[in-house]
Amino acid sequence: MLVKDDLQQRWWDLEAKLMGRFGKKPDTEAILFLIGLQETGFVMAKISKEQKQDLMHVAICTILSPSGYYLKQGNDEDGWPHFHQIKELPAMPLHEQDAFIKDHILLYFSQQEF
């Protein structure tokens, strides 16, 4: 239980930092979107729904790479990073998936020294 409590506290700390920076509390999807923007460096006035999904996919691949789930192959001619899945993600209940993703997001921000 201590590990879960620690995860929750670290998550609240990250939310507070992001809220201070952007003025509104982000949900997990918004944080993944921000990571996708950070990783691609894209700055666009208008982002389509498909591009948002692609940015979130980039974020998922990026945050799961340190745990050996994905390997970055490089970028295409438009600057989009491409990844290769190395191993299957573990099957787990939804609440565990949420904690799994949050823990990897926290690791990402820790590595970015945010």
PDB file of N, CA and C in Angstrom:
ATOM      1  N   MET A   1       0.822  -1.198   0.000  1.00  0.00           N
ATOM      2  CA  MET A   1       0.000   0.000   0.000  1.00  0.00           C
ATOM      3  C   MET A   1       0.862   1.256   0.000  1.00  0.00           C
ATOM      4  N   LEU A   2       2.013   1.204   0.625  1.00  0.00           N
ATOM      5  CA  LEU A   2       2.902   2.354   0.682  1.00  0.00           C
ATOM      6  C   LEU A   2       3.331   2.786  -0.713  1.00  0.00           C
ATOM      7  N   VAL A   3       3.636   1.815  -1.580  1.00  0.00           N
ATOM      8  CA  VAL A   3       4.055   2.137  -2.940  1.00  0.00           C
ATOM      9  C   VAL A   3       2.941   2.886  -3.670  1.00  0.00           C
ATOM     10  N   LYS A   4       1.705   2.423  -3.547  1.00  0.00           N
ATOM     11  CA  LYS A   4       0.581   3.085  -4.196  1.00  0.00           C
ATOM     12  C   LYS A   4       0.412   4.500  -3.647  1.00  0.00           C
ATOM     13  N   ASP A   5       0.525   4.646  -2.324  1.00  0.00           N
ATOM     14  CA  ASP A   5       0.406   5.967  -1.713  1.00  0.00           C
ATOM     15  C   ASP A   5       1.505   6.885  -2.216  1.00  0.00           C
ATOM     16  N   ASP A   6       2.724   6.365  -2.345  1.00  0.00           N
ATOM     17  CA  ASP A   6       3.841   7.149  -2.858  1.00  0.00           C
ATOM     18  C   ASP A   6       3.571   7.563  -4.303  1.00  0.00           C
ATOM     19  N   LEU A   7       3.055   6.645  -5.108  1.00  0.00           N
ATOM     20  CA  LEU A   7       2.714   6.960  -6.499  1.00  0.00           C
ATOM     21  C   LEU A   7       1.680   8.077  -6.539  1.00  0.00           C
ATOM     22  N   GLN A   8       0.659   7.971  -5.708  1.00  0.00           N
ATOM     23  CA  GLN A   8      -0.393   8.988  -5.691  1.00  0.00           C
ATOM     24  C   GLN A   8       0.169  10.347  -5.288  1.00  0.00           C
ATOM     25  N   GLN A   9       1.025  10.377  -4.297  1.00  0.00           N
ATOM     26  CA  GLN A   9       1.604  11.647  -3.852  1.00  0.00           C
ATOM     27  C   GLN A   9       2.499  12.252  -4.930  1.00  0.00           C
ATOM     28  N   ARG A  10       3.308  11.415  -5.556  1.00  0.00           N
ATOM     29  CA  ARG A  10       4.176  11.908  -6.639  1.00  0.00           C
ATOM     30  C   ARG A  10       3.331  12.411  -7.807  1.00  0.00           C
ATOM     31  N   TRP A  11       2.210  11.739  -8.081  1.00  0.00           N
ATOM     32  CA  TRP A  11       1.318  12.167  -9.159  1.00  0.00           C
ATOM     33  C   TRP A  11       0.704  13.526  -8.838  1.00  0.00           C
ATOM     34  N   TRP A  12       0.246  13.691  -7.588  1.00  0.00           N
ATOM     35  CA  TRP A  12      -0.326  14.979  -7.177  1.00  0.00           C
ATOM     36  C   TRP A  12       0.715  16.088  -7.282  1.00  0.00           C
ATOM     37  N   ASP A  13       1.957  15.773  -6.922  1.00  0.00           N
ATOM     38  CA  ASP A  13       3.036  16.766  -7.028  1.00  0.00           C
ATOM     39  C   ASP A  13       3.247  17.181  -8.488  1.00  0.00           C
ATOM     40  N   LEU A  14       3.230  16.201  -9.391  1.00  0.00           N
ATOM     41  CA  LEU A  14       3.387  16.514 -10.818  1.00  0.00           C
ATOM     42  C   LEU A  14       2.214  17.351 -11.309  1.00  0.00           C
ATOM     43  N   GLU A  15       0.996  16.973 -10.944  1.00  0.00           N
ATOM     44  CA  GLU A  15      -0.184  17.749 -11.341  1.00  0.00           C
ATOM     45  C   GLU A  15      -0.071  19.192 -10.854  1.00  0.00           C
ATOM     46  N   ALA A  16       0.396  19.371  -9.627  1.00  0.00           N
ATOM     47  CA  ALA A  16       0.535  20.718  -9.065  1.00  0.00           C
ATOM     48  C   ALA A  16       1.562  21.532  -9.854  1.00  0.00           C
ATOM     49  N   LYS A  17       2.682  20.904 -10.212  1.00  0.00           N
ATOM     50  CA  LYS A  17       3.696  21.606 -11.011  1.00  0.00           C
ATOM     51  C   LYS A  17       3.143  22.011 -12.370  1.00  0.00           C
ATOM     52  N   LEU A  18       2.445  21.090 -13.019  1.00  0.00           N
ATOM     53  CA  LEU A  18       1.884  21.382 -14.338  1.00  0.00           C
ATOM     54  C   LEU A  18       0.768  22.418 -14.243  1.00  0.00           C
ATOM     55  N   MET A  19       0.002  22.370 -13.171  1.00  0.00           N
ATOM     56  CA  MET A  19      -1.049  23.352 -12.965  1.00  0.00           C
ATOM     57  C   MET A  19      -0.433  24.742 -12.779  1.00  0.00           C
ATOM     58  N   GLY A  20       0.662  24.806 -12.052  1.00  0.00           N
ATOM     59  CA  GLY A  20       1.364  26.076 -11.876  1.00  0.00           C
ATOM     60  C   GLY A  20       1.908  26.612 -13.184  1.00  0.00           C
ATOM     61  N   ARG A  21       2.313  25.727 -14.044  1.00  0.00           N
ATOM     62  CA  ARG A  21       2.899  26.134 -15.324  1.00  0.00           C
ATOM     63  C   ARG A  21       1.846  26.497 -16.370  1.00  0.00           C
ATOM     64  N   PHE A  22       0.735  25.743 -16.394  1.00  0.00           N
ATOM     65  CA  PHE A  22      -0.260  25.936 -17.450  1.00  0.00           C
ATOM     66  C   PHE A  22      -1.572  26.540 -16.958  1.00  0.00           C
ATOM     67  N   GLY A  23      -1.736  26.676 -15.640  1.00  0.00           N
ATOM     68  CA  GLY A  23      -2.912  27.327 -15.104  1.00  0.00           C
ATOM     69  C   GLY A  23      -4.151  26.461 -15.005  1.00  0.00           C
ATOM     70  N   LYS A  24      -4.019  25.185 -15.322  1.00  0.00           N
ATOM     71  CA  LYS A  24      -5.171  24.286 -15.200  1.00  0.00           C
ATOM     72  C   LYS A  24      -4.671  22.872 -14.932  1.00  0.00           C
ATOM     73  N   LYS A  25      -5.475  22.135 -14.169  1.00  0.00           N
ATOM     74  CA  LYS A  25      -5.078  20.782 -13.782  1.00  0.00           C
ATOM     75  C   LYS A  25      -5.227  19.832 -14.972  1.00  0.00           C
ATOM     76  N   PRO A  26      -4.134  19.206 -15.374  1.00  0.00           N
ATOM     77  CA  PRO A  26      -4.199  18.294 -16.521  1.00  0.00           C
ATOM     78  C   PRO A  26      -4.599  16.884 -16.106  1.00  0.00           C
ATOM     79  N   ASP A  27      -5.308  16.193 -17.003  1.00  0.00           N
ATOM     80  CA  ASP A  27      -5.570  14.777 -16.768  1.00  0.00           C
ATOM     81  C   ASP A  27      -4.459  13.976 -17.451  1.00  0.00           C
ATOM     82  N   THR A  28      -4.515  12.671 -17.331  1.00  0.00           N
ATOM     83  CA  THR A  28      -3.463  11.815 -17.888  1.00  0.00           C
ATOM     84  C   THR A  28      -3.334  12.005 -19.396  1.00  0.00           C
ATOM     85  N   GLU A  29      -4.452  12.104 -20.102  1.00  0.00           N
ATOM     86  CA  GLU A  29      -4.404  12.291 -21.557  1.00  0.00           C
ATOM     87  C   GLU A  29      -3.735  13.607 -21.929  1.00  0.00           C
ATOM     88  N   ALA A  30      -4.028  14.664 -21.189  1.00  0.00           N
ATOM     89  CA  ALA A  30      -3.405  15.961 -21.471  1.00  0.00           C
ATOM     90  C   ALA A  30      -1.895  15.892 -21.238  1.00  0.00           C
ATOM     91  N   ILE A  31      -1.488  15.175 -20.207  1.00  0.00           N
ATOM     92  CA  ILE A  31      -0.057  15.034 -19.924  1.00  0.00           C
ATOM     93  C   ILE A  31       0.620  14.234 -21.037  1.00  0.00           C
ATOM     94  N   LEU A  32      -0.030  13.175 -21.501  1.00  0.00           N
ATOM     95  CA  LEU A  32       0.536  12.403 -22.619  1.00  0.00           C
ATOM     96  C   LEU A  32       0.636  13.274 -23.871  1.00  0.00           C
ATOM     97  N   PHE A  33      -0.357  14.100 -24.113  1.00  0.00           N
ATOM     98  CA  PHE A  33      -0.335  15.020 -25.246  1.00  0.00           C
ATOM     99  C   PHE A  33       0.863  15.966 -25.126  1.00  0.00           C
ATOM    100  N   LEU A  34       1.100  16.507 -23.934  1.00  0.00           N
ATOM    101  CA  LEU A  34       2.246  17.398 -23.712  1.00  0.00           C
ATOM    102  C   LEU A  34       3.575  16.681 -23.955  1.00  0.00           C
ATOM    103  N   ILE A  35       3.664  15.438 -23.502  1.00  0.00           N
ATOM    104  CA  ILE A  35       4.891  14.657 -23.732  1.00  0.00           C
ATOM    105  C   ILE A  35       5.084  14.452 -25.231  1.00  0.00           C
ATOM    106  N   GLY A  36       4.018  14.132 -25.949  1.00  0.00           N
ATOM    107  CA  GLY A  36       4.102  13.974 -27.403  1.00  0.00           C
ATOM    108  C   GLY A  36       4.593  15.241 -28.084  1.00  0.00           C
ATOM    109  N   LEU A  37       4.069  16.379 -27.651  1.00  0.00           N
ATOM    110  CA  LEU A  37       4.531  17.663 -28.212  1.00  0.00           C
ATOM    111  C   LEU A  37       6.012  17.883 -27.906  1.00  0.00           C
ATOM    112  N   GLN A  38       6.392  17.594 -26.665  1.00  0.00           N
ATOM    113  CA  GLN A  38       7.786  17.755 -26.248  1.00  0.00           C
ATOM    114  C   GLN A  38       8.718  16.872 -27.084  1.00  0.00           C
ATOM    115  N   GLU A  39       8.325  15.637 -27.286  1.00  0.00           N
ATOM    116  CA  GLU A  39       9.170  14.680 -27.993  1.00  0.00           C
ATOM    117  C   GLU A  39       9.267  14.963 -29.492  1.00  0.00           C
ATOM    118  N   THR A  40       8.235  15.503 -30.082  1.00  0.00           N
ATOM    119  CA  THR A  40       8.270  15.790 -31.520  1.00  0.00           C
ATOM    120  C   THR A  40       8.789  17.188 -31.808  1.00  0.00           C
ATOM    121  N   GLY A  41       8.609  18.091 -30.846  1.00  0.00           N
ATOM    122  CA  GLY A  41       9.005  19.479 -31.064  1.00  0.00           C
ATOM    123  C   GLY A  41       8.049  20.225 -31.972  1.00  0.00           C
ATOM    124  N   PHE A  42       6.911  19.620 -32.261  1.00  0.00           N
ATOM    125  CA  PHE A  42       5.950  20.247 -33.165  1.00  0.00           C
ATOM    126  C   PHE A  42       5.254  21.411 -32.483  1.00  0.00           C
ATOM    127  N   VAL A  43       5.131  22.497 -33.222  1.00  0.00           N
ATOM    128  CA  VAL A  43       4.364  23.648 -32.784  1.00  0.00           C
ATOM    129  C   VAL A  43       3.444  23.987 -33.945  1.00  0.00           C
ATOM    130  N   MET A  44       2.160  23.691 -33.741  1.00  0.00           N
ATOM    131  CA  MET A  44       1.191  23.911 -34.814  1.00  0.00           C
ATOM    132  C   MET A  44       0.036  24.736 -34.268  1.00  0.00           C
ATOM    133  N   ALA A  45      -0.485  25.626 -35.097  1.00  0.00           N
ATOM    134  CA  ALA A  45      -1.622  26.434 -34.684  1.00  0.00           C
ATOM    135  C   ALA A  45      -2.867  25.562 -34.534  1.00  0.00           C
ATOM    136  N   LYS A  46      -3.023  24.623 -35.421  1.00  0.00           N
ATOM    137  CA  LYS A  46      -4.207  23.761 -35.416  1.00  0.00           C
ATOM    138  C   LYS A  46      -3.729  22.313 -35.470  1.00  0.00           C
ATOM    139  N   ILE A  47      -4.207  21.520 -34.524  1.00  0.00           N
ATOM    140  CA  ILE A  47      -3.835  20.109 -34.479  1.00  0.00           C
ATOM    141  C   ILE A  47      -5.102  19.287 -34.666  1.00  0.00           C
ATOM    142  N   SER A  48      -5.070  18.395 -35.632  1.00  0.00           N
ATOM    143  CA  SER A  48      -6.235  17.555 -35.907  1.00  0.00           C
ATOM    144  C   SER A  48      -6.375  16.479 -34.826  1.00  0.00           C
ATOM    145  N   LYS A  49      -7.546  15.866 -34.794  1.00  0.00           N
ATOM    146  CA  LYS A  49      -7.792  14.787 -33.842  1.00  0.00           C
ATOM    147  C   LYS A  49      -6.809  13.639 -34.083  1.00  0.00           C
ATOM    148  N   GLU A  50      -6.560  13.334 -35.344  1.00  0.00           N
ATOM    149  CA  GLU A  50      -5.615  12.263 -35.677  1.00  0.00           C
ATOM    150  C   GLU A  50      -4.197  12.610 -35.206  1.00  0.00           C
ATOM    151  N   GLN A  51      -3.800  13.866 -35.378  1.00  0.00           N
ATOM    152  CA  GLN A  51      -2.474  14.284 -34.919  1.00  0.00           C
ATOM    153  C   GLN A  51      -2.377  14.201 -33.396  1.00  0.00           C
ATOM    154  N   LYS A  52      -3.458  14.555 -32.694  1.00  0.00           N
ATOM    155  CA  LYS A  52      -3.464  14.437 -31.232  1.00  0.00           C
ATOM    156  C   LYS A  52      -3.268  12.976 -30.824  1.00  0.00           C
ATOM    157  N   GLN A  53      -3.968  12.080 -31.502  1.00  0.00           N
ATOM    158  CA  GLN A  53      -3.816  10.650 -31.205  1.00  0.00           C
ATOM    159  C   GLN A  53      -2.388  10.194 -31.501  1.00  0.00           C
ATOM    160  N   ASP A  54      -1.828  10.669 -32.604  1.00  0.00           N
ATOM    161  CA  ASP A  54      -0.449  10.310 -32.957  1.00  0.00           C
ATOM    162  C   ASP A  54       0.537  10.833 -31.910  1.00  0.00           C
ATOM    163  N   LEU A  55       0.308  12.057 -31.426  1.00  0.00           N
ATOM    164  CA  LEU A  55       1.184  12.626 -30.396  1.00  0.00           C
ATOM    165  C   LEU A  55       1.097  11.822 -29.102  1.00  0.00           C
ATOM    166  N   MET A  56      -0.094  11.383 -28.758  1.00  0.00           N
ATOM    167  CA  MET A  56      -0.248  10.568 -27.550  1.00  0.00           C
ATOM    168  C   MET A  56       0.394   9.193 -27.732  1.00  0.00           C
ATOM    169  N   HIS A  57       0.349   8.657 -28.951  1.00  0.00           N
ATOM    170  CA  HIS A  57       1.022   7.388 -29.236  1.00  0.00           C
ATOM    171  C   HIS A  57       2.533   7.548 -29.087  1.00  0.00           C
ATOM    172  N   VAL A  58       3.068   8.645 -29.597  1.00  0.00           N
ATOM    173  CA  VAL A  58       4.495   8.933 -29.438  1.00  0.00           C
ATOM    174  C   VAL A  58       4.842   8.991 -27.951  1.00  0.00           C
ATOM    175  N   ALA A  59       3.976   9.634 -27.168  1.00  0.00           N
ATOM    176  CA  ALA A  59       4.221   9.743 -25.729  1.00  0.00           C
ATOM    177  C   ALA A  59       4.233   8.375 -25.058  1.00  0.00           C
ATOM    178  N   ILE A  60       3.262   7.542 -25.378  1.00  0.00           N
ATOM    179  CA  ILE A  60       3.200   6.197 -24.786  1.00  0.00           C
ATOM    180  C   ILE A  60       4.468   5.408 -25.124  1.00  0.00           C
ATOM    181  N   CYS A  61       4.840   5.418 -26.382  1.00  0.00           N
ATOM    182  CA  CYS A  61       6.052   4.697 -26.792  1.00  0.00           C
ATOM    183  C   CYS A  61       7.281   5.254 -26.079  1.00  0.00           C
ATOM    184  N   THR A  62       7.350   6.575 -25.958  1.00  0.00           N
ATOM    185  CA  THR A  62       8.489   7.226 -25.310  1.00  0.00           C
ATOM    186  C   THR A  62       8.583   6.852 -23.840  1.00  0.00           C
ATOM    187  N   ILE A  63       7.458   6.934 -23.127  1.00  0.00           N
ATOM    188  CA  ILE A  63       7.525   6.676 -21.683  1.00  0.00           C
ATOM    189  C   ILE A  63       7.748   5.203 -21.364  1.00  0.00           C
ATOM    190  N   LEU A  64       7.355   4.313 -22.297  1.00  0.00           N
ATOM    191  CA  LEU A  64       7.542   2.881 -22.055  1.00  0.00           C
ATOM    192  C   LEU A  64       8.880   2.351 -22.587  1.00  0.00           C
ATOM    193  N   SER A  65       9.603   3.173 -23.318  1.00  0.00           N
ATOM    194  CA  SER A  65      10.907   2.760 -23.853  1.00  0.00           C
ATOM    195  C   SER A  65      11.919   2.410 -22.766  1.00  0.00           C
ATOM    196  N   PRO A  66      12.044   3.210 -21.693  1.00  0.00           N
ATOM    197  CA  PRO A  66      13.030   2.850 -20.661  1.00  0.00           C
ATOM    198  C   PRO A  66      12.783   1.496 -20.011  1.00  0.00           C
ATOM    199  N   SER A  67      11.545   1.025 -20.049  1.00  0.00           N
ATOM    200  CA  SER A  67      11.218  -0.292 -19.472  1.00  0.00           C
ATOM    201  C   SER A  67      11.327  -1.415 -20.500  1.00  0.00           C
ATOM    202  N   GLY A  68      11.793  -1.089 -21.696  1.00  0.00           N
ATOM    203  CA  GLY A  68      12.054  -2.112 -22.695  1.00  0.00           C
ATOM    204  C   GLY A  68      10.872  -2.550 -23.527  1.00  0.00           C
ATOM    205  N   TYR A  69       9.799  -1.783 -23.519  1.00  0.00           N
ATOM    206  CA  TYR A  69       8.633  -2.160 -24.315  1.00  0.00           C
ATOM    207  C   TYR A  69       8.730  -1.670 -25.761  1.00  0.00           C
ATOM    208  N   TYR A  70       9.374  -0.532 -25.953  1.00  0.00           N
ATOM    209  CA  TYR A  70       9.515   0.049 -27.292  1.00  0.00           C
ATOM    210  C   TYR A  70      10.949   0.508 -27.507  1.00  0.00           C
ATOM    211  N   LEU A  71      11.345   0.528 -28.764  1.00  0.00           N
ATOM    212  CA  LEU A  71      12.651   1.030 -29.163  1.00  0.00           C
ATOM    213  C   LEU A  71      12.433   2.036 -30.282  1.00  0.00           C
ATOM    214  N   LYS A  72      12.981   3.216 -30.116  1.00  0.00           N
ATOM    215  CA  LYS A  72      12.834   4.240 -31.152  1.00  0.00           C
ATOM    216  C   LYS A  72      13.682   3.860 -32.361  1.00  0.00           C
ATOM    217  N   GLN A  73      13.040   3.853 -33.534  1.00  0.00           N
ATOM    218  CA  GLN A  73      13.702   3.492 -34.789  1.00  0.00           C
ATOM    219  C   GLN A  73      14.311   4.706 -35.473  1.00  0.00           C
ATOM    220  N   GLY A  74      13.752   5.865 -35.214  1.00  0.00           N
ATOM    221  CA  GLY A  74      14.197   7.085 -35.869  1.00  0.00           C
ATOM    222  C   GLY A  74      12.983   7.924 -36.243  1.00  0.00           C
ATOM    223  N   ASN A  75      13.225   8.969 -37.010  1.00  0.00           N
ATOM    224  CA  ASN A  75      12.147   9.864 -37.422  1.00  0.00           C
ATOM    225  C   ASN A  75      11.935   9.760 -38.924  1.00  0.00           C
ATOM    226  N   ASP A  76      10.684   9.962 -39.339  1.00  0.00           N
ATOM    227  CA  ASP A  76      10.397   9.955 -40.769  1.00  0.00           C
ATOM    228  C   ASP A  76      10.697  11.332 -41.366  1.00  0.00           C
ATOM    229  N   GLU A  77      10.433  11.485 -42.661  1.00  0.00           N
ATOM    230  CA  GLU A  77      10.763  12.737 -43.347  1.00  0.00           C
ATOM    231  C   GLU A  77       9.964  13.929 -42.823  1.00  0.00           C
ATOM    232  N   ASP A  78       8.843  13.679 -42.148  1.00  0.00           N
ATOM    233  CA  ASP A  78       8.044  14.765 -41.571  1.00  0.00           C
ATOM    234  C   ASP A  78       8.420  15.057 -40.118  1.00  0.00           C
ATOM    235  N   GLY A  79       9.386  14.321 -39.594  1.00  0.00           N
ATOM    236  CA  GLY A  79       9.838  14.548 -38.229  1.00  0.00           C
ATOM    237  C   GLY A  79       9.137  13.715 -37.170  1.00  0.00           C
ATOM    238  N   TRP A  80       8.230  12.832 -37.586  1.00  0.00           N
ATOM    239  CA  TRP A  80       7.533  11.979 -36.619  1.00  0.00           C
ATOM    240  C   TRP A  80       8.427  10.818 -36.201  1.00  0.00           C
ATOM    241  N   PRO A  81       8.598  10.618 -34.897  1.00  0.00           N
ATOM    242  CA  PRO A  81       9.369   9.465 -34.430  1.00  0.00           C
ATOM    243  C   PRO A  81       8.596   8.171 -34.655  1.00  0.00           C
ATOM    244  N   HIS A  82       9.336   7.119 -34.948  1.00  0.00           N
ATOM    245  CA  HIS A  82       8.729   5.792 -35.119  1.00  0.00           C
ATOM    246  C   HIS A  82       9.389   4.821 -34.154  1.00  0.00           C
ATOM    247  N   PHE A  83       8.573   3.936 -33.617  1.00  0.00           N
ATOM    248  CA  PHE A  83       9.019   2.989 -32.600  1.00  0.00           C
ATOM    249  C   PHE A  83       8.709   1.569 -33.030  1.00  0.00           C
ATOM    250  N   HIS A  84       9.493   0.660 -32.489  1.00  0.00           N
ATOM    251  CA  HIS A  84       9.267  -0.772 -32.698  1.00  0.00           C
ATOM    252  C   HIS A  84       8.946  -1.372 -31.331  1.00  0.00           C
ATOM    253  N   GLN A  85       7.855  -2.130 -31.257  1.00  0.00           N
ATOM    254  CA  GLN A  85       7.500  -2.768 -29.997  1.00  0.00           C
ATOM    255  C   GLN A  85       8.391  -3.985 -29.806  1.00  0.00           C
ATOM    256  N   ILE A  86       9.070  -4.018 -28.671  1.00  0.00           N
ATOM    257  CA  ILE A  86      10.013  -5.085 -28.376  1.00  0.00           C
ATOM    258  C   ILE A  86       9.353  -6.227 -27.615  1.00  0.00           C
ATOM    259  N   LYS A  87       8.506  -5.878 -26.663  1.00  0.00           N
ATOM    260  CA  LYS A  87       7.813  -6.914 -25.894  1.00  0.00           C
ATOM    261  C   LYS A  87       6.379  -6.477 -25.641  1.00  0.00           C
ATOM    262  N   GLU A  88       5.549  -7.466 -25.399  1.00  0.00           N
ATOM    263  CA  GLU A  88       4.124  -7.219 -25.156  1.00  0.00           C
ATOM    264  C   GLU A  88       3.928  -6.524 -23.811  1.00  0.00           C
ATOM    265  N   LEU A  89       2.941  -5.671 -23.779  1.00  0.00           N
ATOM    266  CA  LEU A  89       2.567  -5.051 -22.508  1.00  0.00           C
ATOM    267  C   LEU A  89       1.842  -6.086 -21.664  1.00  0.00           C
ATOM    268  N   PRO A  90       2.049  -6.044 -20.364  1.00  0.00           N
ATOM    269  CA  PRO A  90       1.384  -7.032 -19.507  1.00  0.00           C
ATOM    270  C   PRO A  90      -0.122  -6.792 -19.454  1.00  0.00           C
ATOM    271  N   ALA A  91      -0.870  -7.878 -19.394  1.00  0.00           N
ATOM    272  CA  ALA A  91      -2.319  -7.773 -19.207  1.00  0.00           C
ATOM    273  C   ALA A  91      -2.572  -7.433 -17.749  1.00  0.00           C
ATOM    274  N   MET A  92      -3.403  -6.432 -17.532  1.00  0.00           N
ATOM    275  CA  MET A  92      -3.700  -6.013 -16.164  1.00  0.00           C
ATOM    276  C   MET A  92      -5.043  -5.298 -16.121  1.00  0.00           C
ATOM    277  N   PRO A  93      -5.668  -5.292 -14.957  1.00  0.00           N
ATOM    278  CA  PRO A  93      -6.930  -4.565 -14.811  1.00  0.00           C
ATOM    279  C   PRO A  93      -6.731  -3.064 -15.070  1.00  0.00           C
ATOM    280  N   LEU A  94      -7.825  -2.383 -15.378  1.00  0.00           N
ATOM    281  CA  LEU A  94      -7.778  -0.970 -15.740  1.00  0.00           C
ATOM    282  C   LEU A  94      -7.092  -0.103 -14.685  1.00  0.00           C
ATOM    283  N   HIS A  95      -7.395  -0.310 -13.410  1.00  0.00           N
ATOM    284  CA  HIS A  95      -6.785   0.517 -12.363  1.00  0.00           C
ATOM    285  C   HIS A  95      -5.270   0.295 -12.291  1.00  0.00           C
ATOM    286  N   GLU A  96      -4.821  -0.917 -12.589  1.00  0.00           N
ATOM    287  CA  GLU A  96      -3.382  -1.186 -12.609  1.00  0.00           C
ATOM    288  C   GLU A  96      -2.739  -0.571 -13.852  1.00  0.00           C
ATOM    289  N   GLN A  97      -3.458  -0.570 -14.971  1.00  0.00           N
ATOM    290  CA  GLN A  97      -2.953   0.091 -16.180  1.00  0.00           C
ATOM    291  C   GLN A  97      -2.738   1.573 -15.912  1.00  0.00           C
ATOM    292  N   ASP A  98      -3.684   2.182 -15.220  1.00  0.00           N
ATOM    293  CA  ASP A  98      -3.592   3.603 -14.888  1.00  0.00           C
ATOM    294  C   ASP A  98      -2.342   3.877 -14.053  1.00  0.00           C
ATOM    295  N   ALA A  99      -2.116   3.063 -13.036  1.00  0.00           N
ATOM    296  CA  ALA A  99      -0.935   3.225 -12.181  1.00  0.00           C
ATOM    297  C   ALA A  99       0.345   2.972 -12.980  1.00  0.00           C
ATOM    298  N   PHE A 100       0.331   1.984 -13.865  1.00  0.00           N
ATOM    299  CA  PHE A 100       1.475   1.638 -14.713  1.00  0.00           C
ATOM    300  C   PHE A 100       1.868   2.833 -15.590  1.00  0.00           C
ATOM    301  N   ILE A 101       0.873   3.439 -16.234  1.00  0.00           N
ATOM    302  CA  ILE A 101       1.128   4.587 -17.102  1.00  0.00           C
ATOM    303  C   ILE A 101       1.599   5.786 -16.276  1.00  0.00           C
ATOM    304  N   LYS A 102       0.924   6.044 -15.166  1.00  0.00           N
ATOM    305  CA  LYS A 102       1.313   7.180 -14.320  1.00  0.00           C
ATOM    306  C   LYS A 102       2.739   7.032 -13.814  1.00  0.00           C
ATOM    307  N   ASP A 103       3.117   5.827 -13.418  1.00  0.00           N
ATOM    308  CA  ASP A 103       4.477   5.589 -12.930  1.00  0.00           C
ATOM    309  C   ASP A 103       5.498   5.870 -14.032  1.00  0.00           C
ATOM    310  N   HIS A 104       5.189   5.487 -15.257  1.00  0.00           N
ATOM    311  CA  HIS A 104       6.096   5.740 -16.373  1.00  0.00           C
ATOM    312  C   HIS A 104       6.129   7.233 -16.745  1.00  0.00           C
ATOM    313  N   ILE A 105       5.000   7.911 -16.624  1.00  0.00           N
ATOM    314  CA  ILE A 105       4.984   9.364 -16.846  1.00  0.00           C
ATOM    315  C   ILE A 105       5.873  10.052 -15.816  1.00  0.00           C
ATOM    316  N   LEU A 106       5.756   9.639 -14.566  1.00  0.00           N
ATOM    317  CA  LEU A 106       6.581  10.225 -13.510  1.00  0.00           C
ATOM    318  C   LEU A 106       8.065   9.971 -13.759  1.00  0.00           C
ATOM    319  N   LEU A 107       8.405   8.785 -14.231  1.00  0.00           N
ATOM    320  CA  LEU A 107       9.792   8.471 -14.576  1.00  0.00           C
ATOM    321  C   LEU A 107      10.278   9.391 -15.697  1.00  0.00           C
ATOM    322  N   TYR A 108       9.429   9.589 -16.707  1.00  0.00           N
ATOM    323  CA  TYR A 108       9.771  10.481 -17.817  1.00  0.00           C
ATOM    324  C   TYR A 108      10.111  11.889 -17.308  1.00  0.00           C
ATOM    325  N   PHE A 109       9.230  12.433 -16.485  1.00  0.00           N
ATOM    326  CA  PHE A 109       9.461  13.801 -15.977  1.00  0.00           C
ATOM    327  C   PHE A 109      10.679  13.858 -15.065  1.00  0.00           C
ATOM    328  N   SER A 110      10.932  12.794 -14.334  1.00  0.00           N
ATOM    329  CA  SER A 110      12.114  12.726 -13.498  1.00  0.00           C
ATOM    330  C   SER A 110      13.388  12.756 -14.355  1.00  0.00           C
ATOM    331  N   GLN A 111      13.372  11.996 -15.453  1.00  0.00           N
ATOM    332  CA  GLN A 111      14.514  11.964 -16.368  1.00  0.00           C
ATOM    333  C   GLN A 111      14.700  13.302 -17.092  1.00  0.00           C
ATOM    334  N   GLN A 112      13.592  14.041 -17.270  1.00  0.00           N
ATOM    335  CA  GLN A 112      13.656  15.353 -17.911  1.00  0.00           C
ATOM    336  C   GLN A 112      14.021  16.450 -16.903  1.00  0.00           C
ATOM    337  N   GLU A 113      14.170  16.035 -15.625  1.00  0.00           N
ATOM    338  CA  GLU A 113      14.489  16.929 -14.515  1.00  0.00           C
ATOM    339  C   GLU A 113      13.460  18.051 -14.384  1.00  0.00           C
ATOM    340  N   PHE A 114      12.194  17.670 -14.519  1.00  0.00           N
ATOM    341  CA  PHE A 114      11.101  18.622 -14.362  1.00  0.00           C
ATOM    342  C   PHE A 114      10.652  18.646 -12.926  1.00  0.00           C
TER     343      PHE A 114
END
